[in-house]
Amino acid sequence: QVQLVESGGGSVQAGGSLRLSCAASGNTFSRTWMGWFRQAPGKEREGVAAMYTGSGSTYYATSVKGRFTISQDNAENTIYLQMNSLKPEDTGMYYCADGLRTSGNIMAAWKYRYWGQGTQVTVST
């Protein structure tokens, strides 16, 4: 079992920045795919960014490419999402996920076994 706790969300003006953190505990990851997802009201949960912690390979949704960066700490038990040039469309609940079960689309939410409680990001105009 893995426990994930997100932090760093908040309210920010358009164009601002936030840095989200996801701390893992329990049977924590070392070399695994981890992802950041978000969900806006009335929308399905969508993948934002994913990283393979063993190699540093990353994937980004086209909507955030060039603005968001996923990274990890040296101990490989925390991942981050640096969000710059935020837009109102980025508003939503952000979740981190661990435990990818299948290959293919690594930003499909159903493929991940473990989820954090989420942290709210609100971007105002």
Protein backbone atom coordinates (compact mmCIF):
# COMPACT_ATOMS: atom_id res chain seq x y z
CA GLN A 1 0.00 0.00 0.00
CA VAL A 2 1.17 3.51 -0.83
CA GLN A 3 0.00 6.77 0.72
CA LEU A 4 0.31 9.98 -1.26
CA VAL A 5 -0.17 13.49 0.13
CA GLU A 6 -0.30 16.52 -2.13
CA SER A 7 0.39 20.06 -1.01
CA GLY A 8 1.13 23.46 -2.47
CA GLY A 9 -2.17 24.35 -4.04
CA GLY A 10 -3.85 27.68 -3.61
CA SER A 11 -5.24 30.69 -5.39
CA VAL A 12 -3.16 32.68 -7.81
CA GLN A 13 -3.64 35.33 -10.46
CA ALA A 14 -3.32 34.41 -14.11
CA GLY A 15 0.32 34.43 -15.10
CA GLY A 16 1.47 33.40 -11.64
CA SER A 17 3.19 30.26 -10.44
CA LEU A 18 2.63 27.45 -7.98
CA ARG A 19 4.70 24.45 -7.01
CA LEU A 20 2.87 21.30 -6.00
CA SER A 21 4.47 18.55 -3.93
CA CYS A 22 3.50 14.92 -3.51
CA ALA A 23 5.04 13.03 -0.60
CA ALA A 24 4.86 9.26 -0.69
CA SER A 25 4.95 6.82 2.20
CA GLY A 26 4.27 3.15 2.84
CA ASN A 27 5.54 0.84 0.13
CA THR A 28 6.98 3.82 -1.65
CA PHE A 29 8.10 4.09 -5.21
CA SER A 30 11.70 4.10 -6.40
CA ARG A 31 11.62 3.25 -10.08
CA THR A 32 8.07 3.70 -11.22
CA TRP A 33 5.76 5.87 -13.24
CA MET A 34 4.13 8.64 -11.27
CA GLY A 35 1.68 11.17 -12.57
CA TRP A 36 -0.07 14.44 -11.88
CA PHE A 37 -3.74 14.63 -12.81
CA ARG A 38 -6.36 17.30 -12.48
CA GLN A 39 -10.12 17.43 -12.47
CA ALA A 40 -12.30 20.45 -13.06
CA PRO A 41 -16.02 20.57 -12.22
CA GLY A 42 -18.02 18.61 -14.75
CA LYS A 43 -14.89 17.21 -16.35
CA GLU A 44 -13.21 13.84 -16.23
CA ARG A 45 -9.86 13.51 -14.54
CA GLU A 46 -7.10 14.22 -17.05
CA GLY A 47 -3.41 13.57 -17.08
CA VAL A 48 -1.19 16.61 -16.75
CA ALA A 49 2.32 15.22 -16.45
CA ALA A 50 4.00 11.90 -15.76
CA MET A 51 7.51 10.83 -14.91
CA TYR A 52 9.38 7.56 -14.73
CA THR A 53 11.44 8.03 -11.58
CA GLY A 54 14.12 5.57 -12.62
CA SER A 55 15.15 7.36 -15.79
CA GLY A 56 13.58 10.81 -15.71
CA SER A 57 11.45 10.21 -18.80
CA THR A 58 8.53 12.63 -18.82
CA TYR A 59 5.27 13.20 -20.63
CA TYR A 60 3.13 16.33 -20.64
CA ALA A 61 -0.34 17.15 -21.77
CA THR A 62 -0.25 19.50 -24.73
CA SER A 63 -2.21 22.08 -22.75
CA VAL A 64 0.62 22.49 -20.22
CA LYS A 65 3.69 21.81 -22.35
CA GLY A 66 6.27 24.52 -21.87
CA ARG A 67 4.60 25.84 -18.72
CA PHE A 68 4.65 22.91 -16.28
CA THR A 69 7.60 20.79 -15.17
CA ILE A 70 7.45 17.51 -13.28
CA SER A 71 10.46 16.56 -11.17
CA GLN A 72 11.55 14.41 -8.24
CA ASP A 73 13.83 14.77 -5.24
CA ASN A 74 17.06 12.83 -4.79
CA ALA A 75 15.43 10.27 -2.50
CA GLU A 76 12.76 9.51 -5.12
CA ASN A 77 9.97 9.68 -2.55
CA THR A 78 8.62 13.09 -3.51
CA ILE A 79 7.53 14.45 -6.85
CA TYR A 80 6.83 18.05 -7.76
CA LEU A 81 4.87 19.93 -10.33
CA GLN A 82 6.18 23.40 -11.05
CA MET A 83 3.41 25.38 -12.71
CA ASN A 84 4.28 28.65 -14.41
CA SER A 85 2.27 31.06 -16.53
CA LEU A 86 -0.92 29.75 -14.99
CA LYS A 87 -4.20 30.24 -16.81
CA PRO A 88 -7.78 30.13 -15.55
CA GLU A 89 -8.19 26.91 -17.55
CA ASP A 90 -5.66 25.30 -15.19
CA THR A 91 -8.13 25.57 -12.31
CA GLY A 92 -9.02 22.24 -10.74
CA MET A 93 -8.23 19.67 -8.12
CA TYR A 94 -4.75 18.28 -8.67
CA TYR A 95 -3.89 14.72 -7.70
CA CYS A 96 -0.71 12.72 -7.75
CA ALA A 97 -0.81 9.05 -8.62
CA ASP A 98 1.45 6.02 -8.37
CA GLY A 99 1.42 2.38 -9.34
CA LEU A 100 0.94 2.28 -13.10
CA ARG A 101 -0.37 -1.17 -13.94
CA THR A 102 -0.20 -1.33 -17.71
CA SER A 103 1.80 0.03 -20.59
CA GLY A 104 0.48 2.25 -23.32
CA ASN A 105 -1.06 5.60 -22.40
CA ILE A 106 0.65 6.51 -19.14
CA MET A 107 -1.66 9.46 -18.55
CA ALA A 108 -4.83 7.38 -18.34
CA ALA A 109 -6.11 7.76 -14.79
CA TRP A 110 -7.58 4.27 -14.52
CA LYS A 111 -4.15 2.70 -14.90
CA TYR A 112 -2.89 4.04 -11.56
CA ARG A 113 -3.49 2.18 -8.31
CA TYR A 114 -2.71 4.82 -5.67
CA TRP A 115 -3.97 8.38 -5.35
CA GLY A 116 -3.55 11.31 -3.04
CA GLN A 117 -6.39 13.36 -1.60
CA GLY A 118 -5.85 16.24 -3.99
CA THR A 119 -4.91 19.88 -3.65
CA GLN A 120 -7.00 22.68 -5.10
CA VAL A 121 -5.56 25.10 -7.63
CA THR A 122 -7.57 28.18 -8.52
CA VAL A 123 -6.38 30.64 -11.14
CA SER A 124 -8.26 33.91 -11.44
CA THR A 125 -8.32 36.41 -14.27
